[in-house]
């Protein structure tokens, strides 16, 4: 799931939510129709973004609080999986085969995305494959329900989801789409690449130039949007993603990165017993140093700038490694090595 980003407001003519939805006031009380929080939110949207309060109130009268969403986001985290348990979820024969098909079907678009943004086709395909199985599972919750539930009924992260709700209403207005029609994950992530609304407004692109950005049903826009996201988050064209390391000595674990930020250089790691067979890696290169528990035992890796760019999409070392290795598997399956 893509994290929030900021953007300049897109210039799209506003025809009004009522015009898009045919909304009329709902007589019976709904989940958010008489909520004080919603009233304050509507006043803010009216004051700061020029929305009509009666249209927003009519919209929220049709939004539904979903207990299943609160259950999902509040559920205690599952046992942290080891790499040898995590990897088989994403690196499967079926995901590789479907990815090869997706790549062949959209080869021209992927090539154009690489030319314009510098992001190779296999990485774009892999992201979409990991996120939604190439559009096969994009989420079944109405985005308005997901974001309203989390903005108004989930205090631990209410500020974040209130911001996402603001972004969602603005993108609905800019793209001239019915906000009640758009679906996504329980957290409000949307479309083939699972962009949050803030990321949509910051990084999504109209890659087929039809005047609208559609990451739900249009793979062309989804492909261009993923490439745009990666370029904006530091992807370096033609550069590697990771380098496997060899380690020795008693200081090795002191080199492991706490978190994801590349805070140590390769030179600093060498002093702790780390080495890489890649002669092109400079001693001053900042890296993310991590260990994975594989079937054959522990593996030590150096994450390079492009690896860090993948973690901007999902702040997880194992996620980034799964994306990278699925991308490699796709290249192998197409015989492009």
C-alpha atoms as a PDB file:
ATOM      1  CA  UNK A   1       0.000   0.000   0.000  1.00  0.00           C
ATOM      2  CA  UNK A   2       1.397   3.380  -1.151  1.00  0.00           C
ATOM      3  CA  UNK A   3       2.046   6.028   1.524  1.00  0.00           C
ATOM      4  CA  UNK A   4       0.624   9.553   1.516  1.00  0.00           C
ATOM      5  CA  UNK A   5       2.157  12.271  -0.609  1.00  0.00           C
ATOM      6  CA  UNK A   6       1.349  15.946  -1.270  1.00  0.00           C
ATOM      7  CA  UNK A   7       0.712  17.591  -4.608  1.00  0.00           C
ATOM      8  CA  UNK A   8      -0.340  20.793  -6.241  1.00  0.00           C
ATOM      9  CA  UNK A   9      -4.082  20.846  -6.807  1.00  0.00           C
ATOM     10  CA  UNK A  10      -5.011  19.625 -10.256  1.00  0.00           C
ATOM     11  CA  UNK A  11      -7.069  21.985 -12.382  1.00  0.00           C
ATOM     12  CA  UNK A  12     -10.312  20.168 -13.016  1.00  0.00           C
ATOM     13  CA  UNK A  13     -13.674  21.851 -13.425  1.00  0.00           C
ATOM     14  CA  UNK A  14     -15.984  21.170 -10.467  1.00  0.00           C
ATOM     15  CA  UNK A  15     -19.518  20.240 -11.397  1.00  0.00           C
ATOM     16  CA  UNK A  16     -20.544  19.401  -7.833  1.00  0.00           C
ATOM     17  CA  UNK A  17     -21.115  16.142  -5.996  1.00  0.00           C
ATOM     18  CA  UNK A  18     -24.822  16.521  -6.440  1.00  0.00           C
ATOM     19  CA  UNK A  19     -24.397  16.606 -10.197  1.00  0.00           C
ATOM     20  CA  UNK A  20     -22.268  13.493 -10.136  1.00  0.00           C
ATOM     21  CA  UNK A  21     -24.373  11.488  -7.729  1.00  0.00           C
ATOM     22  CA  UNK A  22     -27.866  12.841  -8.004  1.00  0.00           C
ATOM     23  CA  UNK A  23     -27.737  13.082  -4.222  1.00  0.00           C
ATOM     24  CA  UNK A  24     -30.804  14.125  -2.284  1.00  0.00           C
ATOM     25  CA  UNK A  25     -31.144  14.512   1.482  1.00  0.00           C
ATOM     26  CA  UNK A  26     -31.808  11.183   3.191  1.00  0.00           C
ATOM     27  CA  UNK A  27     -34.664  11.300   5.662  1.00  0.00           C
ATOM     28  CA  UNK A  28     -33.625   8.403   7.878  1.00  0.00           C
ATOM     29  CA  UNK A  29     -30.609   8.746  10.139  1.00  0.00           C
ATOM     30  CA  UNK A  30     -27.473   7.087   8.762  1.00  0.00           C
ATOM     31  CA  UNK A  31     -24.199   6.206  10.450  1.00  0.00           C
ATOM     32  CA  UNK A  32     -22.649   9.643   9.962  1.00  0.00           C
ATOM     33  CA  UNK A  33     -25.606  11.880   9.170  1.00  0.00           C
ATOM     34  CA  UNK A  34     -25.790  13.491  12.610  1.00  0.00           C
ATOM     35  CA  UNK A  35     -22.187  13.016  13.741  1.00  0.00           C
ATOM     36  CA  UNK A  36     -20.605  16.074  15.336  1.00  0.00           C
ATOM     37  CA  UNK A  37     -17.230  14.992  13.930  1.00  0.00           C
ATOM     38  CA  UNK A  38     -18.671  14.874  10.445  1.00  0.00           C
ATOM     39  CA  UNK A  39     -20.240  18.286  10.915  1.00  0.00           C
ATOM     40  CA  UNK A  40     -16.863  19.748  11.831  1.00  0.00           C
ATOM     41  CA  UNK A  41     -15.204  17.963   8.921  1.00  0.00           C
ATOM     42  CA  UNK A  42     -17.800  19.246   6.455  1.00  0.00           C
ATOM     43  CA  UNK A  43     -17.366  22.791   7.744  1.00  0.00           C
ATOM     44  CA  UNK A  44     -13.612  22.472   7.228  1.00  0.00           C
ATOM     45  CA  UNK A  45     -14.008  21.141   3.687  1.00  0.00           C
ATOM     46  CA  UNK A  46     -16.441  23.930   2.882  1.00  0.00           C
ATOM     47  CA  UNK A  47     -14.171  26.615   4.296  1.00  0.00           C
ATOM     48  CA  UNK A  48     -10.836  25.349   2.989  1.00  0.00           C
ATOM     49  CA  UNK A  49     -11.702  23.652  -0.299  1.00  0.00           C
ATOM     50  CA  UNK A  50     -14.928  25.218  -1.506  1.00  0.00           C
ATOM     51  CA  UNK A  51     -17.209  22.198  -1.185  1.00  0.00           C
ATOM     52  CA  UNK A  52     -20.947  22.721  -0.742  1.00  0.00           C
ATOM     53  CA  UNK A  53     -21.926  21.619   2.757  1.00  0.00           C
ATOM     54  CA  UNK A  54     -25.345  20.259   1.759  1.00  0.00           C
ATOM     55  CA  UNK A  55     -23.758  18.005  -0.861  1.00  0.00           C
ATOM     56  CA  UNK A  56     -21.183  16.641   1.572  1.00  0.00           C
ATOM     57  CA  UNK A  57     -23.825  16.057   4.240  1.00  0.00           C
ATOM     58  CA  UNK A  58     -25.904  14.162   1.706  1.00  0.00           C
ATOM     59  CA  UNK A  59     -22.824  12.093   0.810  1.00  0.00           C
ATOM     60  CA  UNK A  60     -22.029  11.234   4.435  1.00  0.00           C
ATOM     61  CA  UNK A  61     -25.672  10.302   4.968  1.00  0.00           C
ATOM     62  CA  UNK A  62     -24.940   7.411   2.620  1.00  0.00           C
ATOM     63  CA  UNK A  63     -21.551   6.482   4.105  1.00  0.00           C
ATOM     64  CA  UNK A  64     -21.576   3.433   6.359  1.00  0.00           C
ATOM     65  CA  UNK A  65     -19.560   2.645   9.441  1.00  0.00           C
ATOM     66  CA  UNK A  66     -18.052  -0.820   8.951  1.00  0.00           C
ATOM     67  CA  UNK A  67     -17.209  -2.815  12.051  1.00  0.00           C
ATOM     68  CA  UNK A  68     -15.277  -5.282   9.895  1.00  0.00           C
ATOM     69  CA  UNK A  69     -12.887  -2.462   8.980  1.00  0.00           C
ATOM     70  CA  UNK A  70     -12.300  -1.581  12.630  1.00  0.00           C
ATOM     71  CA  UNK A  71     -11.798  -5.261  13.429  1.00  0.00           C
ATOM     72  CA  UNK A  72      -9.275  -5.640  10.631  1.00  0.00           C
ATOM     73  CA  UNK A  73      -7.178  -2.609  11.522  1.00  0.00           C
ATOM     74  CA  UNK A  74      -7.329  -3.277  15.271  1.00  0.00           C
ATOM     75  CA  UNK A  75      -6.517  -6.974  15.037  1.00  0.00           C
ATOM     76  CA  UNK A  76      -3.307  -7.817  16.901  1.00  0.00           C
ATOM     77  CA  UNK A  77      -0.479  -8.219  14.461  1.00  0.00           C
ATOM     78  CA  UNK A  78       0.128 -11.779  13.397  1.00  0.00           C
ATOM     79  CA  UNK A  79       3.371 -13.453  14.342  1.00  0.00           C
ATOM     80  CA  UNK A  80       6.126 -11.826  12.373  1.00  0.00           C
ATOM     81  CA  UNK A  81       6.888 -14.212   9.556  1.00  0.00           C
ATOM     82  CA  UNK A  82      10.376 -15.334   8.719  1.00  0.00           C
ATOM     83  CA  UNK A  83      11.552 -14.751   5.167  1.00  0.00           C
ATOM     84  CA  UNK A  84      11.236 -18.453   4.401  1.00  0.00           C
ATOM     85  CA  UNK A  85       7.529 -18.178   5.355  1.00  0.00           C
ATOM     86  CA  UNK A  86       6.909 -14.794   3.727  1.00  0.00           C
ATOM     87  CA  UNK A  87       8.572 -15.369   0.368  1.00  0.00           C
ATOM     88  CA  UNK A  88       6.338 -18.281  -0.765  1.00  0.00           C
ATOM     89  CA  UNK A  89       3.271 -16.063  -0.418  1.00  0.00           C
ATOM     90  CA  UNK A  90       4.424 -13.882  -3.310  1.00  0.00           C
ATOM     91  CA  UNK A  91       6.930 -15.891  -5.344  1.00  0.00           C
ATOM     92  CA  UNK A  92       4.587 -18.521  -6.783  1.00  0.00           C
ATOM     93  CA  UNK A  93       4.227 -20.200 -10.153  1.00  0.00           C
ATOM     94  CA  UNK A  94       0.793 -18.681 -10.658  1.00  0.00           C
ATOM     95  CA  UNK A  95       1.937 -15.141  -9.816  1.00  0.00           C
ATOM     96  CA  UNK A  96       4.898 -15.491 -12.153  1.00  0.00           C
ATOM     97  CA  UNK A  97       2.763 -16.897 -14.981  1.00  0.00           C
ATOM     98  CA  UNK A  98       0.130 -14.188 -14.618  1.00  0.00           C
ATOM     99  CA  UNK A  99       2.875 -11.591 -14.470  1.00  0.00           C
ATOM    100  CA  UNK A 100       4.390 -12.814 -17.720  1.00  0.00           C
ATOM    101  CA  UNK A 101       0.956 -12.563 -19.347  1.00  0.00           C
ATOM    102  CA  UNK A 102       0.429  -9.050 -17.950  1.00  0.00           C
ATOM    103  CA  UNK A 103       3.875  -7.977 -19.188  1.00  0.00           C
ATOM    104  CA  UNK A 104       3.260  -9.318 -22.700  1.00  0.00           C
ATOM    105  CA  UNK A 105      -0.210  -7.777 -22.871  1.00  0.00           C
ATOM    106  CA  UNK A 106       1.073  -4.337 -21.850  1.00  0.00           C
ATOM    107  CA  UNK A 107       4.599  -4.515 -23.249  1.00  0.00           C
ATOM    108  CA  UNK A 108       4.363  -1.270 -25.220  1.00  0.00           C
ATOM    109  CA  UNK A 109       3.003   0.683 -22.257  1.00  0.00           C
ATOM    110  CA  UNK A 110       5.656  -0.745 -19.925  1.00  0.00           C
ATOM    111  CA  UNK A 111       8.396   0.145 -22.400  1.00  0.00           C
ATOM    112  CA  UNK A 112       7.091   3.709 -22.613  1.00  0.00           C
ATOM    113  CA  UNK A 113       6.973   3.942 -18.823  1.00  0.00           C
ATOM    114  CA  UNK A 114      10.598   2.834 -18.626  1.00  0.00           C
ATOM    115  CA  UNK A 115      11.583   5.380 -21.258  1.00  0.00           C
ATOM    116  CA  UNK A 116       9.795   8.237 -19.490  1.00  0.00           C
ATOM    117  CA  UNK A 117      10.485   7.365 -15.848  1.00  0.00           C
ATOM    118  CA  UNK A 118      13.487   5.021 -15.900  1.00  0.00           C
ATOM    119  CA  UNK A 119      11.696   2.215 -14.045  1.00  0.00           C
ATOM    120  CA  UNK A 120      12.088  -1.243 -15.666  1.00  0.00           C
ATOM    121  CA  UNK A 121       8.969  -3.181 -16.697  1.00  0.00           C
ATOM    122  CA  UNK A 122       9.595  -6.090 -14.336  1.00  0.00           C
ATOM    123  CA  UNK A 123       9.538  -3.821 -11.280  1.00  0.00           C
ATOM    124  CA  UNK A 124       6.244  -2.192 -12.303  1.00  0.00           C
ATOM    125  CA  UNK A 125       4.676  -5.574 -13.075  1.00  0.00           C
ATOM    126  CA  UNK A 126       5.957  -7.004  -9.810  1.00  0.00           C
ATOM    127  CA  UNK A 127       4.458  -4.200  -7.724  1.00  0.00           C
ATOM    128  CA  UNK A 128       1.046  -4.699  -9.328  1.00  0.00           C
ATOM    129  CA  UNK A 129       1.426  -8.460  -8.908  1.00  0.00           C
ATOM    130  CA  UNK A 130       2.293  -8.250  -5.224  1.00  0.00           C
ATOM    131  CA  UNK A 131      -0.344  -5.630  -4.449  1.00  0.00           C
ATOM    132  CA  UNK A 132      -3.394  -7.007  -6.262  1.00  0.00           C
ATOM    133  CA  UNK A 133      -2.410 -10.085  -8.299  1.00  0.00           C
ATOM    134  CA  UNK A 134      -2.491  -7.927 -11.443  1.00  0.00           C
ATOM    135  CA  UNK A 135      -5.870  -6.420 -10.609  1.00  0.00           C
ATOM    136  CA  UNK A 136      -7.495  -9.650  -9.447  1.00  0.00           C
ATOM    137  CA  UNK A 137      -7.966  -8.416  -5.877  1.00  0.00           C
ATOM    138  CA  UNK A 138      -8.260  -4.648  -5.608  1.00  0.00           C
ATOM    139  CA  UNK A 139     -10.547  -4.550  -2.564  1.00  0.00           C
ATOM    140  CA  UNK A 140     -14.282  -4.747  -1.997  1.00  0.00           C
ATOM    141  CA  UNK A 141     -14.949  -1.885   0.426  1.00  0.00           C
ATOM    142  CA  UNK A 142     -16.342   1.410  -0.766  1.00  0.00           C
ATOM    143  CA  UNK A 143     -13.526   3.886  -0.210  1.00  0.00           C
ATOM    144  CA  UNK A 144     -15.920   6.389   1.357  1.00  0.00           C
ATOM    145  CA  UNK A 145     -16.934   3.775   3.948  1.00  0.00           C
ATOM    146  CA  UNK A 146     -13.348   2.745   4.699  1.00  0.00           C
ATOM    147  CA  UNK A 147     -12.029   6.265   5.124  1.00  0.00           C
ATOM    148  CA  UNK A 148     -15.077   7.547   7.030  1.00  0.00           C
ATOM    149  CA  UNK A 149     -14.946   4.615   9.437  1.00  0.00           C
ATOM    150  CA  UNK A 150     -11.238   5.120  10.129  1.00  0.00           C
ATOM    151  CA  UNK A 151     -11.385   8.918  10.182  1.00  0.00           C
ATOM    152  CA  UNK A 152     -14.259   9.148  12.640  1.00  0.00           C
ATOM    153  CA  UNK A 153     -14.209   5.867  14.573  1.00  0.00           C
ATOM    154  CA  UNK A 154     -10.550   4.863  14.872  1.00  0.00           C
ATOM    155  CA  UNK A 155      -8.853   7.405  17.175  1.00  0.00           C
ATOM    156  CA  UNK A 156      -5.323   5.930  17.031  1.00  0.00           C
ATOM    157  CA  UNK A 157      -4.893   6.993  13.394  1.00  0.00           C
ATOM    158  CA  UNK A 158      -7.795   9.380  12.906  1.00  0.00           C
ATOM    159  CA  UNK A 159      -5.648  12.358  11.782  1.00  0.00           C
ATOM    160  CA  UNK A 160      -4.039  10.311   9.010  1.00  0.00           C
ATOM    161  CA  UNK A 161      -7.346   8.970   7.719  1.00  0.00           C
ATOM    162  CA  UNK A 162      -9.060  12.357   7.988  1.00  0.00           C
ATOM    163  CA  UNK A 163      -6.344  13.683   5.687  1.00  0.00           C
ATOM    164  CA  UNK A 164      -6.873  10.771   3.316  1.00  0.00           C
ATOM    165  CA  UNK A 165     -10.614  11.454   3.331  1.00  0.00           C
ATOM    166  CA  UNK A 166      -9.918  15.074   2.371  1.00  0.00           C
ATOM    167  CA  UNK A 167      -7.688  13.871  -0.456  1.00  0.00           C
ATOM    168  CA  UNK A 168     -10.311  11.360  -1.586  1.00  0.00           C
ATOM    169  CA  UNK A 169     -13.074  13.960  -1.837  1.00  0.00           C
ATOM    170  CA  UNK A 170     -10.789  16.249  -3.801  1.00  0.00           C
ATOM    171  CA  UNK A 171      -9.711  13.522  -6.227  1.00  0.00           C
ATOM    172  CA  UNK A 172     -13.380  12.586  -6.762  1.00  0.00           C
ATOM    173  CA  UNK A 173     -14.068  16.189  -7.665  1.00  0.00           C
ATOM    174  CA  UNK A 174     -10.979  16.534  -9.867  1.00  0.00           C
ATOM    175  CA  UNK A 175     -11.578  13.276 -11.718  1.00  0.00           C
ATOM    176  CA  UNK A 176     -15.361  13.844 -11.976  1.00  0.00           C
ATOM    177  CA  UNK A 177     -16.200  10.452 -10.476  1.00  0.00           C
ATOM    178  CA  UNK A 178     -18.894   9.300  -8.075  1.00  0.00           C
ATOM    179  CA  UNK A 179     -17.204   8.891  -4.658  1.00  0.00           C
ATOM    180  CA  UNK A 180     -19.759   6.234  -3.761  1.00  0.00           C
ATOM    181  CA  UNK A 181     -18.657   4.090  -6.693  1.00  0.00           C
ATOM    182  CA  UNK A 182     -14.951   3.717  -5.924  1.00  0.00           C
ATOM    183  CA  UNK A 183     -13.781   0.629  -4.050  1.00  0.00           C
ATOM    184  CA  UNK A 184     -10.558  -0.382  -2.362  1.00  0.00           C
ATOM    185  CA  UNK A 185      -9.029  -2.099   0.639  1.00  0.00           C
ATOM    186  CA  UNK A 186     -10.263  -1.833   4.219  1.00  0.00           C
ATOM    187  CA  UNK A 187      -7.704   0.970   4.691  1.00  0.00           C
ATOM    188  CA  UNK A 188      -8.804   2.884   1.589  1.00  0.00           C
ATOM    189  CA  UNK A 189      -5.988   1.810  -0.766  1.00  0.00           C
ATOM    190  CA  UNK A 190      -7.222   1.895  -4.330  1.00  0.00           C
ATOM    191  CA  UNK A 191      -6.888   0.281  -7.720  1.00  0.00           C
ATOM    192  CA  UNK A 192      -4.356  -2.050  -9.328  1.00  0.00           C
ATOM    193  CA  UNK A 193      -1.404  -0.396  -7.542  1.00  0.00           C
ATOM    194  CA  UNK A 194      -3.259   0.233  -4.224  1.00  0.00           C
ATOM    195  CA  UNK A 195      -2.592   3.953  -3.960  1.00  0.00           C
ATOM    196  CA  UNK A 196      -3.900   5.841  -0.963  1.00  0.00           C
ATOM    197  CA  UNK A 197      -5.829   8.970  -2.031  1.00  0.00           C
ATOM    198  CA  UNK A 198      -2.973  11.304  -1.100  1.00  0.00           C
ATOM    199  CA  UNK A 199      -0.571   9.313  -3.212  1.00  0.00           C
ATOM    200  CA  UNK A 200      -3.068   9.272  -6.057  1.00  0.00           C
ATOM    201  CA  UNK A 201      -3.217  13.049  -6.092  1.00  0.00           C
ATOM    202  CA  UNK A 202       0.547  13.385  -5.783  1.00  0.00           C
ATOM    203  CA  UNK A 203       1.824  10.729  -8.166  1.00  0.00           C
ATOM    204  CA  UNK A 204      -0.899   9.126 -10.303  1.00  0.00           C
ATOM    205  CA  UNK A 205      -0.782  10.082 -13.989  1.00  0.00           C
ATOM    206  CA  UNK A 206      -3.112  10.050 -16.990  1.00  0.00           C
ATOM    207  CA  UNK A 207      -0.781   7.814 -18.962  1.00  0.00           C
ATOM    208  CA  UNK A 208      -3.154   7.232 -21.880  1.00  0.00           C
ATOM    209  CA  UNK A 209      -4.012  10.948 -22.142  1.00  0.00           C
ATOM    210  CA  UNK A 210      -7.783  10.471 -22.120  1.00  0.00           C
ATOM    211  CA  UNK A 211      -8.385  13.290 -19.653  1.00  0.00           C
ATOM    212  CA  UNK A 212      -8.936  11.057 -16.589  1.00  0.00           C
ATOM    213  CA  UNK A 213      -6.771   9.053 -14.229  1.00  0.00           C
ATOM    214  CA  UNK A 214      -8.255   5.593 -13.725  1.00  0.00           C
ATOM    215  CA  UNK A 215      -6.126   3.188 -11.689  1.00  0.00           C
ATOM    216  CA  UNK A 216      -9.119   0.922 -10.996  1.00  0.00           C
ATOM    217  CA  UNK A 217      -9.926  -0.264 -14.510  1.00  0.00           C
ATOM    218  CA  UNK A 218      -7.172   1.097 -16.740  1.00  0.00           C
ATOM    219  CA  UNK A 219      -3.835  -0.783 -16.592  1.00  0.00           C
ATOM    220  CA  UNK A 220      -2.207   1.920 -18.703  1.00  0.00           C
ATOM    221  CA  UNK A 221      -2.804   4.576 -16.052  1.00  0.00           C
ATOM    222  CA  UNK A 222      -1.843   2.111 -13.308  1.00  0.00           C
ATOM    223  CA  UNK A 223       1.477   1.315 -15.008  1.00  0.00           C
ATOM    224  CA  UNK A 224       2.337   4.967 -15.558  1.00  0.00           C
ATOM    225  CA  UNK A 225       1.356   5.833 -12.002  1.00  0.00           C
ATOM    226  CA  UNK A 226       3.604   3.186 -10.446  1.00  0.00           C
ATOM    227  CA  UNK A 227       6.502   4.390 -12.591  1.00  0.00           C
ATOM    228  CA  UNK A 228       5.782   7.989 -11.629  1.00  0.00           C
ATOM    229  CA  UNK A 229       5.726   7.056  -7.939  1.00  0.00           C
ATOM    230  CA  UNK A 230       9.095   5.325  -8.128  1.00  0.00           C
ATOM    231  CA  UNK A 231      10.776   8.126 -10.033  1.00  0.00           C
ATOM    232  CA  UNK A 232       9.555  10.641  -7.460  1.00  0.00           C
ATOM    233  CA  UNK A 233      10.876   8.429  -4.660  1.00  0.00           C
ATOM    234  CA  UNK A 234      14.422   8.197  -5.940  1.00  0.00           C
ATOM    235  CA  UNK A 235      14.536   5.278  -8.358  1.00  0.00           C
ATOM    236  CA  UNK A 236      17.852   5.350 -10.234  1.00  0.00           C
ATOM    237  CA  UNK A 237      17.606   3.989 -13.784  1.00  0.00           C
ATOM    238  CA  UNK A 238      20.000   1.195 -14.611  1.00  0.00           C
ATOM    239  CA  UNK A 239      21.201   0.742 -11.040  1.00  0.00           C
ATOM    240  CA  UNK A 240      21.010  -2.506  -9.005  1.00  0.00           C
ATOM    241  CA  UNK A 241      18.595  -3.084  -6.142  1.00  0.00           C
ATOM    242  CA  UNK A 242      20.531  -5.277  -3.691  1.00  0.00           C
ATOM    243  CA  UNK A 243      23.867  -6.963  -3.281  1.00  0.00           C
ATOM    244  CA  UNK A 244      24.292 -10.152  -1.289  1.00  0.00           C
ATOM    245  CA  UNK A 245      26.911  -9.839   1.403  1.00  0.00           C
ATOM    246  CA  UNK A 246      29.386 -12.158   3.034  1.00  0.00           C
ATOM    247  CA  UNK A 247      29.949 -11.755   6.741  1.00  0.00           C
ATOM    248  CA  UNK A 248      32.493 -12.929   9.308  1.00  0.00           C
ATOM    249  CA  UNK A 249      33.479 -12.147  12.850  1.00  0.00           C
ATOM    250  CA  UNK A 250      31.692 -11.269  16.063  1.00  0.00           C
ATOM    251  CA  UNK A 251      30.662  -7.719  15.109  1.00  0.00           C
ATOM    252  CA  UNK A 252      28.419  -8.635  12.191  1.00  0.00           C
ATOM    253  CA  UNK A 253      25.122  -7.983  13.951  1.00  0.00           C
ATOM    254  CA  UNK A 254      26.267  -4.473  14.868  1.00  0.00           C
ATOM    255  CA  UNK A 255      26.065  -3.707  11.165  1.00  0.00           C
ATOM    256  CA  UNK A 256      22.378  -4.603  10.810  1.00  0.00           C
ATOM    257  CA  UNK A 257      20.226  -1.589  10.066  1.00  0.00           C
ATOM    258  CA  UNK A 258      17.664  -0.667  12.707  1.00  0.00           C
ATOM    259  CA  UNK A 259      14.618   0.226  10.648  1.00  0.00           C
ATOM    260  CA  UNK A 260      14.972   0.817   6.917  1.00  0.00           C
ATOM    261  CA  UNK A 261      16.907   4.063   6.446  1.00  0.00           C
ATOM    262  CA  UNK A 262      20.381   3.477   4.944  1.00  0.00           C
ATOM    263  CA  UNK A 263      22.320   4.908   7.877  1.00  0.00           C
ATOM    264  CA  UNK A 264      25.671   3.109   7.482  1.00  0.00           C
ATOM    265  CA  UNK A 265      28.094   3.156   4.580  1.00  0.00           C
ATOM    266  CA  UNK A 266      29.632   0.109   3.003  1.00  0.00           C
ATOM    267  CA  UNK A 267      32.980   1.215   4.416  1.00  0.00           C
ATOM    268  CA  UNK A 268      31.584   1.245   7.945  1.00  0.00           C
ATOM    269  CA  UNK A 269      30.118  -2.207   7.433  1.00  0.00           C
ATOM    270  CA  UNK A 270      33.419  -3.598   6.189  1.00  0.00           C
ATOM    271  CA  UNK A 271      34.916  -2.712   9.546  1.00  0.00           C
ATOM    272  CA  UNK A 272      32.215  -4.868  11.140  1.00  0.00           C
ATOM    273  CA  UNK A 273      32.881  -7.926   8.993  1.00  0.00           C
ATOM    274  CA  UNK A 274      30.639  -7.284   5.985  1.00  0.00           C
ATOM    275  CA  UNK A 275      31.807  -7.546   2.380  1.00  0.00           C
ATOM    276  CA  UNK A 276      30.250  -7.508  -1.076  1.00  0.00           C
ATOM    277  CA  UNK A 277      31.465  -9.150  -4.264  1.00  0.00           C
ATOM    278  CA  UNK A 278      30.221  -6.148  -6.270  1.00  0.00           C
ATOM    279  CA  UNK A 279      33.330  -4.169  -7.200  1.00  0.00           C
ATOM    280  CA  UNK A 280      31.271  -1.162  -8.270  1.00  0.00           C
ATOM    281  CA  UNK A 281      29.993  -0.419  -4.762  1.00  0.00           C
ATOM    282  CA  UNK A 282      31.883   2.518  -3.317  1.00  0.00           C
ATOM    283  CA  UNK A 283      32.958   2.562   0.315  1.00  0.00           C
ATOM    284  CA  UNK A 284      30.934   5.730   0.899  1.00  0.00           C
ATOM    285  CA  UNK A 285      27.722   4.182  -0.464  1.00  0.00           C
ATOM    286  CA  UNK A 286      24.945   4.277   2.189  1.00  0.00           C
ATOM    287  CA  UNK A 287      23.158   0.931   2.391  1.00  0.00           C
ATOM    288  CA  UNK A 288      20.432  -0.833   4.300  1.00  0.00           C
ATOM    289  CA  UNK A 289      22.038  -3.912   5.870  1.00  0.00           C
ATOM    290  CA  UNK A 290      19.684  -6.745   6.704  1.00  0.00           C
ATOM    291  CA  UNK A 291      19.466 -10.462   7.390  1.00  0.00           C
ATOM    292  CA  UNK A 292      16.851 -12.849   6.036  1.00  0.00           C
ATOM    293  CA  UNK A 293      16.088 -16.268   7.495  1.00  0.00           C
ATOM    294  CA  UNK A 294      15.958 -18.411   4.366  1.00  0.00           C
ATOM    295  CA  UNK A 295      15.408 -22.154   4.034  1.00  0.00           C
ATOM    296  CA  UNK A 296      19.152 -22.685   3.679  1.00  0.00           C
ATOM    297  CA  UNK A 297      19.990 -20.499   6.665  1.00  0.00           C
ATOM    298  CA  UNK A 298      20.622 -16.800   7.288  1.00  0.00           C
ATOM    299  CA  UNK A 299      21.319 -14.562   4.293  1.00  0.00           C
ATOM    300  CA  UNK A 300      22.896 -11.122   4.571  1.00  0.00           C
ATOM    301  CA  UNK A 301      22.047  -8.399   2.098  1.00  0.00           C
ATOM    302  CA  UNK A 302      22.919  -4.810   1.261  1.00  0.00           C
ATOM    303  CA  UNK A 303      19.975  -2.709   0.100  1.00  0.00           C
ATOM    304  CA  UNK A 304      20.964   0.008  -2.362  1.00  0.00           C
ATOM    305  CA  UNK A 305      19.095   3.240  -3.264  1.00  0.00           C
ATOM    306  CA  UNK A 306      16.619   1.410  -5.506  1.00  0.00           C
ATOM    307  CA  UNK A 307      15.853  -1.000  -2.666  1.00  0.00           C
ATOM    308  CA  UNK A 308      15.105   1.975  -0.439  1.00  0.00           C
ATOM    309  CA  UNK A 309      12.841   3.360  -3.181  1.00  0.00           C
ATOM    310  CA  UNK A 310      10.795   0.139  -3.071  1.00  0.00           C
ATOM    311  CA  UNK A 311      10.417   0.485   0.705  1.00  0.00           C
ATOM    312  CA  UNK A 312       8.787   3.884   0.120  1.00  0.00           C
ATOM    313  CA  UNK A 313       5.888   1.921  -1.358  1.00  0.00           C
ATOM    314  CA  UNK A 314       5.616  -0.308   1.706  1.00  0.00           C
ATOM    315  CA  UNK A 315       7.889   0.206   4.686  1.00  0.00           C
ATOM    316  CA  UNK A 316       9.082  -3.386   4.937  1.00  0.00           C
ATOM    317  CA  UNK A 317      12.400  -4.975   4.043  1.00  0.00           C
ATOM    318  CA  UNK A 318      10.714  -8.301   3.272  1.00  0.00           C
ATOM    319  CA  UNK A 319       8.114  -6.592   1.075  1.00  0.00           C
ATOM    320  CA  UNK A 320      10.846  -4.870  -0.933  1.00  0.00           C
ATOM    321  CA  UNK A 321      12.766  -8.109  -1.270  1.00  0.00           C
ATOM    322  CA  UNK A 322       9.647  -9.959  -2.436  1.00  0.00           C
ATOM    323  CA  UNK A 323       9.041  -7.293  -5.097  1.00  0.00           C
ATOM    324  CA  UNK A 324      12.658  -7.532  -6.215  1.00  0.00           C
ATOM    325  CA  UNK A 325      12.749 -11.318  -6.379  1.00  0.00           C
ATOM    326  CA  UNK A 326       9.393 -11.543  -8.156  1.00  0.00           C
ATOM    327  CA  UNK A 327      10.751  -9.035 -10.691  1.00  0.00           C
ATOM    328  CA  UNK A 328      13.811 -11.235 -11.186  1.00  0.00           C
ATOM    329  CA  UNK A 329      11.594 -14.317 -11.592  1.00  0.00           C
ATOM    330  CA  UNK A 330       9.549 -12.520 -14.244  1.00  0.00           C
ATOM    331  CA  UNK A 331      12.685 -11.672 -16.199  1.00  0.00           C
ATOM    332  CA  UNK A 332      13.823 -15.321 -15.974  1.00  0.00           C
ATOM    333  CA  UNK A 333      10.410 -16.596 -17.052  1.00  0.00           C
ATOM    334  CA  UNK A 334      10.530 -14.386 -20.134  1.00  0.00           C
ATOM    335  CA  UNK A 335      14.051 -15.536 -20.946  1.00  0.00           C
ATOM    336  CA  UNK A 336      15.395 -11.992 -20.881  1.00  0.00           C
ATOM    337  CA  UNK A 337      18.550 -12.610 -18.882  1.00  0.00           C
END
